[in-house]
Amino acid sequence: MDLFSQAYPDFTVDYRVESSSSLANTIEEEYDAGATQADVFMSVDAGSLGAVANAGATASLPSEALSAVPSSFQDDQSRWVGFAGRARAVPYNTTQLSESDIPNSVQDFPDASALQDSMGWAPTYGALQSMVTAMRQIRGDDETRSWLESMLDAGISEYDNEFAVSNSAANGELAAGFANHYYSLRVRSARQNAPLALYFTEGDAGALVNVSGLEILDGTGSAELAGNFVRHVLSSEAQEFFATRTFAYPMIDGVPPVGDLPSISDLNPPDIDLTELADVSGTVDLMRDADVL
């Protein structure tokens, strides 16, 4: 926001920073009351964007902005678009594990001997809950509950957030864990010699590529300005900012990811509609039923 204000002296913005779920609920309530306050909703996950879109509270996005982003990272009804990619990954300690020790599917993790009593996750964290929501779509509730219970039986440790999971893997307190890819890059940016690497599973919920994204809200009095804001967020300059400052995956061609990350086209995420990640409440209920929460 500061950079936008520097580039455009007449641009001013009032913004609120809260959890995506809290903001989504507020937007839906305001929309139902016919009193929409905001022009644009920016969220760290597609689930919250999908919840607002499914409530009918969004306006269509500029077509030329959408054309720059792969279809898998935007809503098929032009209601939201991703501006930064977040790949699920397995941060692991390279002195304790090699790639061959890690199964190619998270479904096999509970039975992997090298991972017994040595993994960590952050079940209260939205990113892990999105992964479980994706698993419910792919495997169904019964199989997902069984997997959660099996991970508990395998001795997985609970952390408050995924940076802590990644940092603990680098410290050797864990052999591996579940986290978004950029947390390991943040650890390594501060500790270049940390024995930490990333493993990407394929085609399953553990390979989910979620997005931070944005949508224009129905009822805005600044639709043209909001559309220009979307275009700028998807510009090469802004995409490079997200890639180099937050280690996110860029959403447009011509801007590479940082470090030694595989390109986003080389990843093999599951074929699911990210809008369907909106069913977080069902996931939370399932995780509670499995004694994960």
C-alpha atoms as a PDB file:
ATOM      1  CA  MET A   1       0.000   0.000   0.000  1.00  0.00           C
ATOM      2  CA  ASP A   2       2.903   2.359   0.742  1.00  0.00           C
ATOM      3  CA  LEU A   3       4.403   1.706  -2.692  1.00  0.00           C
ATOM      4  CA  PHE A   4       1.090   2.433  -4.398  1.00  0.00           C
ATOM      5  CA  SER A   5       0.807   5.690  -2.491  1.00  0.00           C
ATOM      6  CA  GLN A   6       4.337   6.669  -3.532  1.00  0.00           C
ATOM      7  CA  ALA A   7       3.668   5.881  -7.191  1.00  0.00           C
ATOM      8  CA  TYR A   8       0.280   7.610  -7.284  1.00  0.00           C
ATOM      9  CA  PRO A   9       0.164  10.732  -5.058  1.00  0.00           C
ATOM     10  CA  ASP A  10      -3.615  10.967  -5.389  1.00  0.00           C
ATOM     11  CA  PHE A  11      -4.099   7.370  -4.257  1.00  0.00           C
ATOM     12  CA  THR A  12      -5.191   6.944  -0.662  1.00  0.00           C
ATOM     13  CA  VAL A  13      -6.460   3.826   1.013  1.00  0.00           C
ATOM     14  CA  ASP A  14      -8.110   2.859   4.266  1.00  0.00           C
ATOM     15  CA  TYR A  15      -7.587  -0.787   5.093  1.00  0.00           C
ATOM     16  CA  ARG A  16      -8.253  -3.238   7.895  1.00  0.00           C
ATOM     17  CA  VAL A  17      -5.969  -6.147   8.685  1.00  0.00           C
ATOM     18  CA  GLU A  18      -7.764  -9.075  10.314  1.00  0.00           C
ATOM     19  CA  SER A  19      -8.041 -12.807   9.761  1.00  0.00           C
ATOM     20  CA  SER A  20      -9.512 -13.727   6.387  1.00  0.00           C
ATOM     21  CA  SER A  21     -12.408 -15.611   7.947  1.00  0.00           C
ATOM     22  CA  SER A  22     -13.318 -12.648  10.174  1.00  0.00           C
ATOM     23  CA  LEU A  23     -13.227 -10.202   7.282  1.00  0.00           C
ATOM     24  CA  ALA A  24     -15.230 -12.563   5.071  1.00  0.00           C
ATOM     25  CA  ASN A  25     -17.927 -12.809   7.727  1.00  0.00           C
ATOM     26  CA  THR A  26     -18.054  -9.019   8.082  1.00  0.00           C
ATOM     27  CA  ILE A  27     -18.329  -8.528   4.323  1.00  0.00           C
ATOM     28  CA  GLU A  28     -21.162 -11.058   4.064  1.00  0.00           C
ATOM     29  CA  GLU A  29     -23.068  -9.417   6.916  1.00  0.00           C
ATOM     30  CA  GLU A  30     -22.658  -5.949   5.385  1.00  0.00           C
ATOM     31  CA  TYR A  31     -23.714  -7.212   1.976  1.00  0.00           C
ATOM     32  CA  ASP A  32     -26.850  -8.851   3.387  1.00  0.00           C
ATOM     33  CA  ALA A  33     -27.694  -5.563   5.103  1.00  0.00           C
ATOM     34  CA  GLY A  34     -27.163  -3.593   1.874  1.00  0.00           C
ATOM     35  CA  ALA A  35     -24.324  -1.658   3.473  1.00  0.00           C
ATOM     36  CA  THR A  36     -21.110  -2.782   1.784  1.00  0.00           C
ATOM     37  CA  GLN A  37     -18.203  -0.722   3.136  1.00  0.00           C
ATOM     38  CA  ALA A  38     -15.106  -1.983   1.316  1.00  0.00           C
ATOM     39  CA  ASP A  39     -14.159  -1.865  -2.347  1.00  0.00           C
ATOM     40  CA  VAL A  40     -11.741  -4.800  -2.472  1.00  0.00           C
ATOM     41  CA  PHE A  41     -11.237  -7.907  -0.343  1.00  0.00           C
ATOM     42  CA  MET A  42      -7.706  -9.356  -0.235  1.00  0.00           C
ATOM     43  CA  SER A  43      -7.346 -12.749   1.437  1.00  0.00           C
ATOM     44  CA  VAL A  44      -4.534 -15.158   2.205  1.00  0.00           C
ATOM     45  CA  ASP A  45      -6.581 -18.130   1.019  1.00  0.00           C
ATOM     46  CA  ALA A  46      -9.051 -19.033  -1.695  1.00  0.00           C
ATOM     47  CA  GLY A  47     -11.507 -20.466   0.819  1.00  0.00           C
ATOM     48  CA  SER A  48     -12.402 -17.058   2.259  1.00  0.00           C
ATOM     49  CA  LEU A  49     -12.623 -15.596  -1.234  1.00  0.00           C
ATOM     50  CA  GLY A  50     -14.952 -18.426  -2.216  1.00  0.00           C
ATOM     51  CA  ALA A  51     -17.146 -17.854   0.833  1.00  0.00           C
ATOM     52  CA  VAL A  52     -17.665 -14.184  -0.087  1.00  0.00           C
ATOM     53  CA  ALA A  53     -18.207 -15.055  -3.752  1.00  0.00           C
ATOM     54  CA  ASN A  54     -20.717 -17.781  -2.917  1.00  0.00           C
ATOM     55  CA  ALA A  55     -22.627 -15.246  -0.815  1.00  0.00           C
ATOM     56  CA  GLY A  56     -23.112 -13.179  -3.986  1.00  0.00           C
ATOM     57  CA  ALA A  57     -21.102 -10.266  -2.586  1.00  0.00           C
ATOM     58  CA  THR A  58     -18.636  -9.822  -5.467  1.00  0.00           C
ATOM     59  CA  ALA A  59     -18.503  -7.976  -8.787  1.00  0.00           C
ATOM     60  CA  SER A  60     -16.851  -9.240 -11.983  1.00  0.00           C
ATOM     61  CA  LEU A  61     -13.112  -8.699 -12.362  1.00  0.00           C
ATOM     62  CA  PRO A  62     -11.422  -7.067 -15.399  1.00  0.00           C
ATOM     63  CA  SER A  63     -11.094  -9.687 -18.143  1.00  0.00           C
ATOM     64  CA  GLU A  64      -7.618  -8.524 -19.196  1.00  0.00           C
ATOM     65  CA  ALA A  65      -6.357  -9.062 -15.647  1.00  0.00           C
ATOM     66  CA  LEU A  66      -7.814 -12.547 -15.502  1.00  0.00           C
ATOM     67  CA  SER A  67      -6.238 -13.525 -18.811  1.00  0.00           C
ATOM     68  CA  ALA A  68      -2.763 -13.217 -17.287  1.00  0.00           C
ATOM     69  CA  VAL A  69      -3.434 -15.821 -14.566  1.00  0.00           C
ATOM     70  CA  PRO A  70      -3.803 -19.595 -15.138  1.00  0.00           C
ATOM     71  CA  SER A  71      -7.400 -20.759 -14.910  1.00  0.00           C
ATOM     72  CA  SER A  72      -6.633 -23.050 -11.952  1.00  0.00           C
ATOM     73  CA  PHE A  73      -5.759 -20.001  -9.846  1.00  0.00           C
ATOM     74  CA  GLN A  74      -8.927 -18.005 -10.443  1.00  0.00           C
ATOM     75  CA  ASP A  75     -12.646 -18.471 -10.060  1.00  0.00           C
ATOM     76  CA  ASP A  76     -14.390 -19.917 -13.115  1.00  0.00           C
ATOM     77  CA  GLN A  77     -17.071 -17.233 -12.777  1.00  0.00           C
ATOM     78  CA  SER A  78     -14.588 -14.311 -12.741  1.00  0.00           C
ATOM     79  CA  ARG A  79     -15.341 -13.500  -9.103  1.00  0.00           C
ATOM     80  CA  TRP A  80     -11.809 -13.726  -7.642  1.00  0.00           C
ATOM     81  CA  VAL A  81      -8.240 -14.117  -8.847  1.00  0.00           C
ATOM     82  CA  GLY A  82      -5.009 -15.225  -7.194  1.00  0.00           C
ATOM     83  CA  PHE A  83      -2.063 -12.870  -6.971  1.00  0.00           C
ATOM     84  CA  ALA A  84       0.402 -15.018  -4.983  1.00  0.00           C
ATOM     85  CA  GLY A  85       0.783 -18.806  -4.936  1.00  0.00           C
ATOM     86  CA  ARG A  86       1.371 -20.896  -1.830  1.00  0.00           C
ATOM     87  CA  ALA A  87       2.440 -24.494  -2.375  1.00  0.00           C
ATOM     88  CA  ARG A  88       2.042 -27.117   0.336  1.00  0.00           C
ATOM     89  CA  ALA A  89       5.375 -28.782   0.970  1.00  0.00           C
ATOM     90  CA  VAL A  90       7.281 -31.004   3.365  1.00  0.00           C
ATOM     91  CA  PRO A  91      10.205 -29.181   4.999  1.00  0.00           C
ATOM     92  CA  TYR A  92      12.734 -31.778   6.117  1.00  0.00           C
ATOM     93  CA  ASN A  93      16.077 -31.896   7.881  1.00  0.00           C
ATOM     94  CA  THR A  94      18.712 -33.028   5.385  1.00  0.00           C
ATOM     95  CA  THR A  95      20.954 -34.541   8.071  1.00  0.00           C
ATOM     96  CA  GLN A  96      18.147 -36.853   9.197  1.00  0.00           C
ATOM     97  CA  LEU A  97      16.290 -37.632   5.956  1.00  0.00           C
ATOM     98  CA  SER A  98      16.860 -37.914   2.250  1.00  0.00           C
ATOM     99  CA  GLU A  99      14.211 -37.504  -0.436  1.00  0.00           C
ATOM    100  CA  SER A 100      13.909 -41.270  -0.761  1.00  0.00           C
ATOM    101  CA  ASP A 101      12.708 -41.480   2.858  1.00  0.00           C
ATOM    102  CA  ILE A 102       9.606 -39.382   2.104  1.00  0.00           C
ATOM    103  CA  PRO A 103       6.617 -40.985   0.359  1.00  0.00           C
ATOM    104  CA  ASN A 104       5.266 -39.325  -2.765  1.00  0.00           C
ATOM    105  CA  SER A 105       1.768 -39.126  -1.251  1.00  0.00           C
ATOM    106  CA  VAL A 106       0.786 -37.817   2.170  1.00  0.00           C
ATOM    107  CA  GLN A 107      -1.635 -40.735   2.441  1.00  0.00           C
ATOM    108  CA  ASP A 108       1.418 -42.959   2.999  1.00  0.00           C
ATOM    109  CA  PHE A 109       3.055 -40.770   5.654  1.00  0.00           C
ATOM    110  CA  PRO A 110       1.521 -42.520   8.698  1.00  0.00           C
ATOM    111  CA  ASP A 111       3.181 -45.809   7.700  1.00  0.00           C
ATOM    112  CA  ALA A 112       6.579 -44.376   6.688  1.00  0.00           C
ATOM    113  CA  SER A 113       9.132 -45.691   9.183  1.00  0.00           C
ATOM    114  CA  ALA A 114      11.449 -42.681   8.774  1.00  0.00           C
ATOM    115  CA  LEU A 115       8.654 -40.306   9.808  1.00  0.00           C
ATOM    116  CA  GLN A 116       7.485 -42.030  12.986  1.00  0.00           C
ATOM    117  CA  ASP A 117       7.479 -39.706  16.026  1.00  0.00           C
ATOM    118  CA  SER A 118       9.407 -37.107  14.018  1.00  0.00           C
ATOM    119  CA  MET A 119       6.872 -34.937  12.156  1.00  0.00           C
ATOM    120  CA  GLY A 120       5.142 -31.680  13.031  1.00  0.00           C
ATOM    121  CA  TRP A 121       2.060 -29.752  11.943  1.00  0.00           C
ATOM    122  CA  ALA A 122      -0.002 -26.706  12.944  1.00  0.00           C
ATOM    123  CA  PRO A 123      -3.644 -27.899  13.009  1.00  0.00           C
ATOM    124  CA  THR A 124      -5.090 -24.533  14.102  1.00  0.00           C
ATOM    125  CA  TYR A 125      -3.423 -22.856  11.111  1.00  0.00           C
ATOM    126  CA  GLY A 126      -5.587 -22.047   8.114  1.00  0.00           C
ATOM    127  CA  ALA A 127      -3.101 -23.497   5.614  1.00  0.00           C
ATOM    128  CA  LEU A 128      -3.231 -26.952   7.201  1.00  0.00           C
ATOM    129  CA  GLN A 129      -7.015 -26.742   7.409  1.00  0.00           C
ATOM    130  CA  SER A 130      -7.162 -25.908   3.687  1.00  0.00           C
ATOM    131  CA  MET A 131      -5.059 -28.994   2.988  1.00  0.00           C
ATOM    132  CA  VAL A 132      -7.475 -31.127   5.013  1.00  0.00           C
ATOM    133  CA  THR A 133     -10.405 -29.527   3.182  1.00  0.00           C
ATOM    134  CA  ALA A 134      -8.765 -30.517  -0.103  1.00  0.00           C
ATOM    135  CA  MET A 135      -8.318 -34.057   1.211  1.00  0.00           C
ATOM    136  CA  ARG A 136     -12.014 -34.207   2.050  1.00  0.00           C
ATOM    137  CA  GLN A 137     -12.817 -33.280  -1.554  1.00  0.00           C
ATOM    138  CA  ILE A 138     -10.461 -35.910  -2.936  1.00  0.00           C
ATOM    139  CA  ARG A 139     -10.830 -38.754  -0.414  1.00  0.00           C
ATOM    140  CA  GLY A 140     -14.081 -38.076   1.422  1.00  0.00           C
ATOM    141  CA  ASP A 141     -14.677 -37.453   5.115  1.00  0.00           C
ATOM    142  CA  ASP A 142     -14.238 -41.011   6.358  1.00  0.00           C
ATOM    143  CA  GLU A 143     -10.843 -41.542   4.750  1.00  0.00           C
ATOM    144  CA  THR A 144      -9.696 -38.070   5.801  1.00  0.00           C
ATOM    145  CA  ARG A 145     -10.672 -38.730   9.415  1.00  0.00           C
ATOM    146  CA  SER A 146      -8.799 -42.023   9.296  1.00  0.00           C
ATOM    147  CA  TRP A 147      -5.691 -40.267   7.960  1.00  0.00           C
ATOM    148  CA  LEU A 148      -5.818 -37.629  10.695  1.00  0.00           C
ATOM    149  CA  GLU A 149      -6.121 -40.296  13.373  1.00  0.00           C
ATOM    150  CA  SER A 150      -3.279 -42.275  11.807  1.00  0.00           C
ATOM    151  CA  MET A 151      -1.028 -39.211  11.869  1.00  0.00           C
ATOM    152  CA  LEU A 152      -1.750 -38.830  15.576  1.00  0.00           C
ATOM    153  CA  ASP A 153      -0.918 -42.496  16.096  1.00  0.00           C
ATOM    154  CA  ALA A 154       2.359 -41.915  14.240  1.00  0.00           C
ATOM    155  CA  GLY A 155       3.338 -39.383  16.900  1.00  0.00           C
ATOM    156  CA  ILE A 156       3.045 -36.099  15.025  1.00  0.00           C
ATOM    157  CA  SER A 157       3.785 -33.009  17.151  1.00  0.00           C
ATOM    158  CA  GLU A 158       1.586 -29.909  17.293  1.00  0.00           C
ATOM    159  CA  TYR A 159       2.885 -26.365  16.722  1.00  0.00           C
ATOM    160  CA  ASP A 160       1.188 -22.969  16.732  1.00  0.00           C
ATOM    161  CA  ASN A 161       2.249 -22.037  13.205  1.00  0.00           C
ATOM    162  CA  GLU A 162       4.093 -23.353  10.176  1.00  0.00           C
ATOM    163  CA  PHE A 163       7.133 -21.107  10.536  1.00  0.00           C
ATOM    164  CA  ALA A 164       7.728 -22.863  13.855  1.00  0.00           C
ATOM    165  CA  VAL A 165       7.338 -26.244  12.119  1.00  0.00           C
ATOM    166  CA  SER A 166       9.894 -25.284   9.466  1.00  0.00           C
ATOM    167  CA  ASN A 167      12.296 -23.790  12.001  1.00  0.00           C
ATOM    168  CA  SER A 168      12.081 -26.900  14.175  1.00  0.00           C
ATOM    169  CA  ALA A 169      12.905 -29.075  11.169  1.00  0.00           C
ATOM    170  CA  ALA A 170      15.955 -26.894  10.492  1.00  0.00           C
ATOM    171  CA  ASN A 171      17.001 -27.230  14.156  1.00  0.00           C
ATOM    172  CA  GLY A 172      16.703 -31.023  14.029  1.00  0.00           C
ATOM    173  CA  GLU A 173      13.882 -31.102  16.594  1.00  0.00           C
ATOM    174  CA  LEU A 174      11.760 -32.593  13.811  1.00  0.00           C
ATOM    175  CA  ALA A 175      12.779 -34.698  10.858  1.00  0.00           C
ATOM    176  CA  ALA A 176       9.995 -33.190   8.717  1.00  0.00           C
ATOM    177  CA  GLY A 177       6.648 -31.426   8.822  1.00  0.00           C
ATOM    178  CA  PHE A 178       3.773 -29.906   6.885  1.00  0.00           C
ATOM    179  CA  ALA A 179       4.047 -26.241   5.867  1.00  0.00           C
ATOM    180  CA  ASN A 180       3.615 -23.798   3.034  1.00  0.00           C
ATOM    181  CA  HIS A 181       6.781 -23.582   0.963  1.00  0.00           C
ATOM    182  CA  TYR A 182       7.774 -20.022   1.822  1.00  0.00           C
ATOM    183  CA  TYR A 183       8.331 -20.654   5.523  1.00  0.00           C
ATOM    184  CA  SER A 184      11.421 -22.733   4.743  1.00  0.00           C
ATOM    185  CA  LEU A 185      12.683 -20.010   2.435  1.00  0.00           C
ATOM    186  CA  ARG A 186      12.318 -17.509   5.262  1.00  0.00           C
ATOM    187  CA  VAL A 187      14.290 -19.799   7.562  1.00  0.00           C
ATOM    188  CA  ARG A 188      17.028 -20.221   4.972  1.00  0.00           C
ATOM    189  CA  SER A 189      17.169 -16.497   4.212  1.00  0.00           C
ATOM    190  CA  ALA A 190      18.177 -15.925   7.827  1.00  0.00           C
ATOM    191  CA  ARG A 191      20.270 -19.092   8.158  1.00  0.00           C
ATOM    192  CA  GLN A 192      21.807 -19.888   4.788  1.00  0.00           C
ATOM    193  CA  ASN A 193      23.517 -23.058   6.006  1.00  0.00           C
ATOM    194  CA  ALA A 194      20.446 -24.506   7.731  1.00  0.00           C
ATOM    195  CA  PRO A 195      20.094 -28.231   6.866  1.00  0.00           C
ATOM    196  CA  LEU A 196      16.606 -27.688   5.496  1.00  0.00           C
ATOM    197  CA  ALA A 197      15.110 -28.701   2.154  1.00  0.00           C
ATOM    198  CA  LEU A 198      11.643 -28.966   0.647  1.00  0.00           C
ATOM    199  CA  TYR A 199       9.909 -32.037  -0.702  1.00  0.00           C
ATOM    200  CA  PHE A 200       6.804 -31.724  -2.869  1.00  0.00           C
ATOM    201  CA  THR A 201       4.342 -34.594  -3.055  1.00  0.00           C
ATOM    202  CA  GLU A 202       2.286 -35.103  -6.207  1.00  0.00           C
ATOM    203  CA  GLY A 203      -1.390 -35.117  -7.065  1.00  0.00           C
ATOM    204  CA  ASP A 204      -2.733 -35.324  -3.529  1.00  0.00           C
ATOM    205  CA  ALA A 205      -3.914 -32.877  -0.871  1.00  0.00           C
ATOM    206  CA  GLY A 206      -0.334 -32.481   0.308  1.00  0.00           C
ATOM    207  CA  ALA A 207       0.498 -31.001  -3.093  1.00  0.00           C
ATOM    208  CA  LEU A 208      -2.188 -28.326  -2.895  1.00  0.00           C
ATOM    209  CA  VAL A 209      -1.262 -24.960  -4.399  1.00  0.00           C
ATOM    210  CA  ASN A 210      -3.486 -22.386  -2.734  1.00  0.00           C
ATOM    211  CA  VAL A 211      -3.467 -18.675  -3.463  1.00  0.00           C
ATOM    212  CA  SER A 212      -3.657 -15.344  -1.801  1.00  0.00           C
ATOM    213  CA  GLY A 213      -6.150 -13.486  -3.928  1.00  0.00           C
ATOM    214  CA  LEU A 214      -8.551 -10.599  -4.206  1.00  0.00           C
ATOM    215  CA  GLU A 215     -12.018  -9.730  -5.395  1.00  0.00           C
ATOM    216  CA  ILE A 216     -14.000  -6.558  -6.047  1.00  0.00           C
ATOM    217  CA  LEU A 217     -17.037  -6.243  -3.824  1.00  0.00           C
ATOM    218  CA  ASP A 218     -20.535  -5.719  -5.135  1.00  0.00           C
ATOM    219  CA  GLY A 219     -21.734  -2.318  -3.959  1.00  0.00           C
ATOM    220  CA  THR A 220     -18.408  -0.534  -4.309  1.00  0.00           C
ATOM    221  CA  GLY A 221     -18.630   3.086  -5.355  1.00  0.00           C
ATOM    222  CA  SER A 222     -15.177   2.907  -6.966  1.00  0.00           C
ATOM    223  CA  ALA A 223     -15.445   0.050  -9.429  1.00  0.00           C
ATOM    224  CA  GLU A 224     -13.061   1.554 -11.996  1.00  0.00           C
ATOM    225  CA  LEU A 225     -10.412   2.339  -9.396  1.00  0.00           C
ATOM    226  CA  ALA A 226     -10.802  -1.132  -7.885  1.00  0.00           C
ATOM    227  CA  GLY A 227     -10.338  -2.667 -11.337  1.00  0.00           C
ATOM    228  CA  ASN A 228      -7.134  -0.685 -11.840  1.00  0.00           C
ATOM    229  CA  PHE A 229      -5.917  -1.874  -8.442  1.00  0.00           C
ATOM    230  CA  VAL A 230      -6.432  -5.490  -9.534  1.00  0.00           C
ATOM    231  CA  ARG A 231      -4.469  -4.827 -12.730  1.00  0.00           C
ATOM    232  CA  HIS A 232      -1.583  -3.333 -10.788  1.00  0.00           C
ATOM    233  CA  VAL A 233      -1.432  -6.179  -8.275  1.00  0.00           C
ATOM    234  CA  LEU A 234      -1.012  -8.520 -11.259  1.00  0.00           C
ATOM    235  CA  SER A 235       1.630  -6.350 -12.934  1.00  0.00           C
ATOM    236  CA  SER A 236       5.207  -7.622 -13.286  1.00  0.00           C
ATOM    237  CA  GLU A 237       6.457  -5.100 -10.742  1.00  0.00           C
ATOM    238  CA  ALA A 238       3.962  -6.136  -8.065  1.00  0.00           C
ATOM    239  CA  GLN A 239       4.437  -9.834  -8.813  1.00  0.00           C
ATOM    240  CA  GLU A 240       8.206  -9.483  -8.434  1.00  0.00           C
ATOM    241  CA  PHE A 241       7.599  -7.720  -5.118  1.00  0.00           C
ATOM    242  CA  PHE A 242       5.523 -10.634  -3.809  1.00  0.00           C
ATOM    243  CA  ALA A 243       8.089 -13.160  -5.047  1.00  0.00           C
ATOM    244  CA  THR A 244      11.162 -11.457  -3.603  1.00  0.00           C
ATOM    245  CA  ARG A 245       9.677 -10.083  -0.371  1.00  0.00           C
ATOM    246  CA  THR A 246       7.354 -12.924   0.656  1.00  0.00           C
ATOM    247  CA  PHE A 247       8.809 -15.840  -1.381  1.00  0.00           C
ATOM    248  CA  ALA A 248       5.366 -16.473  -2.910  1.00  0.00           C
ATOM    249  CA  TYR A 249       4.866 -18.023  -6.324  1.00  0.00           C
ATOM    250  CA  PRO A 250       4.137 -15.377  -8.980  1.00  0.00           C
ATOM    251  CA  MET A 251       0.848 -15.789 -10.819  1.00  0.00           C
ATOM    252  CA  ILE A 252       1.917 -14.431 -14.208  1.00  0.00           C
ATOM    253  CA  ASP A 253       4.411 -15.533 -16.857  1.00  0.00           C
ATOM    254  CA  GLY A 254       7.763 -13.797 -17.001  1.00  0.00           C
ATOM    255  CA  VAL A 255       8.311 -13.491 -13.246  1.00  0.00           C
ATOM    256  CA  PRO A 256      10.245 -16.493 -11.879  1.00  0.00           C
ATOM    257  CA  PRO A 257      10.029 -17.786  -8.297  1.00  0.00           C
ATOM    258  CA  VAL A 258      13.003 -17.059  -6.085  1.00  0.00           C
ATOM    259  CA  GLY A 259      15.740 -19.405  -4.987  1.00  0.00           C
ATOM    260  CA  ASP A 260      15.788 -23.014  -6.100  1.00  0.00           C
ATOM    261  CA  LEU A 261      12.019 -23.487  -6.146  1.00  0.00           C
ATOM    262  CA  PRO A 262      10.592 -25.561  -8.983  1.00  0.00           C
ATOM    263  CA  SER A 263       8.433 -23.515 -11.326  1.00  0.00           C
ATOM    264  CA  ILE A 264       4.737 -23.567 -10.535  1.00  0.00           C
ATOM    265  CA  SER A 265       4.140 -25.430 -13.813  1.00  0.00           C
ATOM    266  CA  ASP A 266       6.463 -28.221 -12.602  1.00  0.00           C
ATOM    267  CA  LEU A 267       4.360 -28.861  -9.517  1.00  0.00           C
ATOM    268  CA  ASN A 268       1.615 -31.470  -9.619  1.00  0.00           C
ATOM    269  CA  PRO A 269      -1.260 -30.189  -7.462  1.00  0.00           C
ATOM    270  CA  PRO A 270      -4.576 -32.040  -7.157  1.00  0.00           C
ATOM    271  CA  ASP A 271      -7.261 -31.181  -9.686  1.00  0.00           C
ATOM    272  CA  ILE A 272      -9.737 -29.378  -7.439  1.00  0.00           C
ATOM    273  CA  ASP A 273     -11.696 -26.137  -7.552  1.00  0.00           C
ATOM    274  CA  LEU A 274     -10.066 -23.791  -5.043  1.00  0.00           C
ATOM    275  CA  THR A 275     -13.410 -22.058  -4.484  1.00  0.00           C
ATOM    276  CA  GLU A 276     -14.584 -25.270  -2.799  1.00  0.00           C
ATOM    277  CA  LEU A 277     -12.006 -24.719  -0.046  1.00  0.00           C
ATOM    278  CA  ALA A 278     -14.638 -22.426   1.464  1.00  0.00           C
ATOM    279  CA  ASP A 279     -16.032 -25.347   3.503  1.00  0.00           C
ATOM    280  CA  VAL A 280     -13.668 -24.747   6.414  1.00  0.00           C
ATOM    281  CA  SER A 281     -16.331 -25.225   9.095  1.00  0.00           C
ATOM    282  CA  GLY A 282     -16.875 -28.823   7.987  1.00  0.00           C
ATOM    283  CA  THR A 283     -13.130 -29.387   8.163  1.00  0.00           C
ATOM    284  CA  VAL A 284     -12.874 -27.927  11.654  1.00  0.00           C
ATOM    285  CA  ASP A 285     -15.715 -30.206  12.795  1.00  0.00           C
ATOM    286  CA  LEU A 286     -13.964 -33.224  11.293  1.00  0.00           C
ATOM    287  CA  MET A 287     -10.620 -32.321  12.898  1.00  0.00           C
ATOM    288  CA  ARG A 288     -12.313 -31.952  16.258  1.00  0.00           C
ATOM    289  CA  ASP A 289     -14.029 -35.295  15.802  1.00  0.00           C
ATOM    290  CA  ALA A 290     -10.612 -36.846  15.150  1.00  0.00           C
ATOM    291  CA  ASP A 291      -9.174 -35.168  18.300  1.00  0.00           C
ATOM    292  CA  VAL A 292      -6.757 -33.125  16.210  1.00  0.00           C
ATOM    293  CA  LEU A 293      -8.239 -29.862  17.519  1.00  0.00           C
END
